[in-house]
């Protein structure tokens, strides 16, 4: 199970790092997506920080199990919130958020079982 967590957690950390970087750079697609779900621009740095913290926690979780579990819980809650935000404004283009929610849940389960 540890190797599976390392793969899933590592890939999720890469995605989170890329997303945090693009959010901080105010990438047009990310800003448009955030505006569509009515996220204020002032929240973008905080949300990028949460993604970066999740990525760091998932990687550190390779050595410190409780940290990996906590990071996976946080990332799962982040993306559950993203899905809810899309549904709240009746934006059904939520596949990326839904897939990342499932990957975060998988990371949580794998780290808990390893």
C-alpha atoms as a PDB file:
ATOM      1  CA  UNK A   1       0.000   0.000   0.000  1.00  0.00           C
ATOM      2  CA  UNK A   2       2.897   2.370   0.686  1.00  0.00           C
ATOM      3  CA  UNK A   3       4.114   2.259  -2.910  1.00  0.00           C
ATOM      4  CA  UNK A   4       0.585   2.947  -4.145  1.00  0.00           C
ATOM      5  CA  UNK A   5       0.365   5.941  -1.785  1.00  0.00           C
ATOM      6  CA  UNK A   6       3.770   7.166  -2.963  1.00  0.00           C
ATOM      7  CA  UNK A   7       2.581   7.108  -6.572  1.00  0.00           C
ATOM      8  CA  UNK A   8      -0.884   8.583  -5.977  1.00  0.00           C
ATOM      9  CA  UNK A   9       0.308  11.100  -3.393  1.00  0.00           C
ATOM     10  CA  UNK A  10       3.278  12.118  -5.534  1.00  0.00           C
ATOM     11  CA  UNK A  11       1.171  12.653  -8.645  1.00  0.00           C
ATOM     12  CA  UNK A  12      -1.446  14.568  -6.660  1.00  0.00           C
ATOM     13  CA  UNK A  13       1.322  16.719  -5.160  1.00  0.00           C
ATOM     14  CA  UNK A  14       2.590  17.517  -8.669  1.00  0.00           C
ATOM     15  CA  UNK A  15      -0.897  18.536  -9.803  1.00  0.00           C
ATOM     16  CA  UNK A  16      -1.378  20.673  -6.688  1.00  0.00           C
ATOM     17  CA  UNK A  17       1.998  22.346  -7.181  1.00  0.00           C
ATOM     18  CA  UNK A  18       1.202  23.168 -10.805  1.00  0.00           C
ATOM     19  CA  UNK A  19      -2.253  24.440  -9.873  1.00  0.00           C
ATOM     20  CA  UNK A  20      -0.891  26.584  -7.028  1.00  0.00           C
ATOM     21  CA  UNK A  21       1.752  28.057  -9.334  1.00  0.00           C
ATOM     22  CA  UNK A  22      -0.775  28.854 -12.053  1.00  0.00           C
ATOM     23  CA  UNK A  23      -3.156  30.339  -9.496  1.00  0.00           C
ATOM     24  CA  UNK A  24      -0.433  32.631  -8.131  1.00  0.00           C
ATOM     25  CA  UNK A  25       0.463  33.640 -11.694  1.00  0.00           C
ATOM     26  CA  UNK A  26      -3.218  34.391 -12.279  1.00  0.00           C
ATOM     27  CA  UNK A  27      -3.467  32.106 -15.286  1.00  0.00           C
ATOM     28  CA  UNK A  28      -6.387  33.183 -17.482  1.00  0.00           C
ATOM     29  CA  UNK A  29      -8.134  29.792 -17.407  1.00  0.00           C
ATOM     30  CA  UNK A  30      -7.869  29.449 -13.636  1.00  0.00           C
ATOM     31  CA  UNK A  31      -9.029  33.008 -13.005  1.00  0.00           C
ATOM     32  CA  UNK A  32     -11.978  32.492 -15.373  1.00  0.00           C
ATOM     33  CA  UNK A  33     -12.918  29.252 -13.621  1.00  0.00           C
ATOM     34  CA  UNK A  34     -12.695  30.895 -10.200  1.00  0.00           C
ATOM     35  CA  UNK A  35     -14.795  33.853 -11.381  1.00  0.00           C
ATOM     36  CA  UNK A  36     -17.389  31.458 -12.782  1.00  0.00           C
ATOM     37  CA  UNK A  37     -17.894  29.983  -9.302  1.00  0.00           C
ATOM     38  CA  UNK A  38     -17.826  33.470  -7.734  1.00  0.00           C
ATOM     39  CA  UNK A  39     -14.528  33.160  -5.872  1.00  0.00           C
ATOM     40  CA  UNK A  40     -13.246  36.654  -5.010  1.00  0.00           C
ATOM     41  CA  UNK A  41      -9.854  37.552  -6.509  1.00  0.00           C
ATOM     42  CA  UNK A  42      -8.556  38.277  -3.017  1.00  0.00           C
ATOM     43  CA  UNK A  43      -8.906  34.558  -2.179  1.00  0.00           C
ATOM     44  CA  UNK A  44      -6.609  33.362  -4.973  1.00  0.00           C
ATOM     45  CA  UNK A  45      -3.338  33.648  -3.013  1.00  0.00           C
ATOM     46  CA  UNK A  46      -4.890  31.870  -0.016  1.00  0.00           C
ATOM     47  CA  UNK A  47      -6.261  29.072  -2.156  1.00  0.00           C
ATOM     48  CA  UNK A  48      -2.878  28.711  -3.870  1.00  0.00           C
ATOM     49  CA  UNK A  49      -1.287  28.530  -0.430  1.00  0.00           C
ATOM     50  CA  UNK A  50      -3.666  25.762   0.598  1.00  0.00           C
ATOM     51  CA  UNK A  51      -2.814  23.773  -2.530  1.00  0.00           C
ATOM     52  CA  UNK A  52       0.916  24.262  -1.926  1.00  0.00           C
ATOM     53  CA  UNK A  53       0.557  23.212   1.718  1.00  0.00           C
ATOM     54  CA  UNK A  54      -1.363  20.117   0.611  1.00  0.00           C
ATOM     55  CA  UNK A  55       1.390  19.209  -1.847  1.00  0.00           C
ATOM     56  CA  UNK A  56       4.088  19.633   0.785  1.00  0.00           C
ATOM     57  CA  UNK A  57       2.082  17.626   3.298  1.00  0.00           C
ATOM     58  CA  UNK A  58       1.486  14.767   0.878  1.00  0.00           C
ATOM     59  CA  UNK A  59       5.199  14.514   0.099  1.00  0.00           C
ATOM     60  CA  UNK A  60       6.231  14.853   3.749  1.00  0.00           C
ATOM     61  CA  UNK A  61       3.627  12.191   4.477  1.00  0.00           C
ATOM     62  CA  UNK A  62       5.924   9.675   2.828  1.00  0.00           C
ATOM     63  CA  UNK A  63       8.049   9.875   5.985  1.00  0.00           C
ATOM     64  CA  UNK A  64       5.577  11.145   8.594  1.00  0.00           C
ATOM     65  CA  UNK A  65       2.370   9.137   8.363  1.00  0.00           C
ATOM     66  CA  UNK A  66       0.103  11.465  10.418  1.00  0.00           C
ATOM     67  CA  UNK A  67       1.155  14.404   8.267  1.00  0.00           C
ATOM     68  CA  UNK A  68       0.315  12.497   5.092  1.00  0.00           C
ATOM     69  CA  UNK A  69      -3.091  11.574   6.487  1.00  0.00           C
ATOM     70  CA  UNK A  70      -3.766  15.169   7.582  1.00  0.00           C
ATOM     71  CA  UNK A  71      -2.700  16.523   4.188  1.00  0.00           C
ATOM     72  CA  UNK A  72      -4.885  14.025   2.352  1.00  0.00           C
ATOM     73  CA  UNK A  73      -7.854  15.007   4.546  1.00  0.00           C
ATOM     74  CA  UNK A  74      -7.196  18.686   3.849  1.00  0.00           C
ATOM     75  CA  UNK A  75      -6.870  18.177   0.094  1.00  0.00           C
ATOM     76  CA  UNK A  76     -10.038  16.075   0.059  1.00  0.00           C
ATOM     77  CA  UNK A  77     -11.953  18.809   1.900  1.00  0.00           C
ATOM     78  CA  UNK A  78     -10.525  21.447  -0.448  1.00  0.00           C
ATOM     79  CA  UNK A  79     -11.814  19.646  -3.525  1.00  0.00           C
ATOM     80  CA  UNK A  80     -15.155  18.744  -1.925  1.00  0.00           C
ATOM     81  CA  UNK A  81     -15.503  22.493  -1.402  1.00  0.00           C
ATOM     82  CA  UNK A  82     -14.605  23.067  -5.046  1.00  0.00           C
ATOM     83  CA  UNK A  83     -17.290  20.616  -6.186  1.00  0.00           C
ATOM     84  CA  UNK A  84     -19.851  22.281  -3.899  1.00  0.00           C
ATOM     85  CA  UNK A  85     -18.838  25.702  -5.252  1.00  0.00           C
ATOM     86  CA  UNK A  86     -19.472  24.535  -8.818  1.00  0.00           C
ATOM     87  CA  UNK A  87     -22.812  23.004  -7.922  1.00  0.00           C
ATOM     88  CA  UNK A  88     -23.870  26.102  -5.959  1.00  0.00           C
ATOM     89  CA  UNK A  89     -23.727  28.245  -9.101  1.00  0.00           C
ATOM     90  CA  UNK A  90     -25.112  25.468 -11.302  1.00  0.00           C
ATOM     91  CA  UNK A  91     -21.803  25.083 -13.161  1.00  0.00           C
ATOM     92  CA  UNK A  92     -21.670  21.436 -14.145  1.00  0.00           C
ATOM     93  CA  UNK A  93     -18.178  21.583 -15.636  1.00  0.00           C
ATOM     94  CA  UNK A  94     -16.808  20.099 -12.448  1.00  0.00           C
ATOM     95  CA  UNK A  95     -15.018  17.012 -13.745  1.00  0.00           C
ATOM     96  CA  UNK A  96     -11.513  18.222 -12.761  1.00  0.00           C
ATOM     97  CA  UNK A  97     -12.607  19.017  -9.204  1.00  0.00           C
ATOM     98  CA  UNK A  98     -14.541  15.751  -8.912  1.00  0.00           C
ATOM     99  CA  UNK A  99     -11.639  13.664 -10.221  1.00  0.00           C
ATOM    100  CA  UNK A 100      -9.182  15.377  -7.884  1.00  0.00           C
ATOM    101  CA  UNK A 101     -11.578  14.764  -4.992  1.00  0.00           C
ATOM    102  CA  UNK A 102     -11.526  11.052  -5.785  1.00  0.00           C
ATOM    103  CA  UNK A 103      -7.731  11.022  -6.127  1.00  0.00           C
ATOM    104  CA  UNK A 104      -7.406  12.786  -2.769  1.00  0.00           C
ATOM    105  CA  UNK A 105      -9.733  10.215  -1.171  1.00  0.00           C
ATOM    106  CA  UNK A 106      -7.614   7.449  -2.705  1.00  0.00           C
ATOM    107  CA  UNK A 107      -4.466   9.042  -1.245  1.00  0.00           C
ATOM    108  CA  UNK A 108      -6.149   9.243   2.160  1.00  0.00           C
ATOM    109  CA  UNK A 109      -7.216   5.609   2.077  1.00  0.00           C
ATOM    110  CA  UNK A 110      -3.827   4.400   0.845  1.00  0.00           C
ATOM    111  CA  UNK A 111      -1.890   6.386   3.453  1.00  0.00           C
ATOM    112  CA  UNK A 112      -4.196   5.255   6.236  1.00  0.00           C
ATOM    113  CA  UNK A 113      -3.798   1.599   5.241  1.00  0.00           C
ATOM    114  CA  UNK A 114      -0.018   1.679   4.776  1.00  0.00           C
END
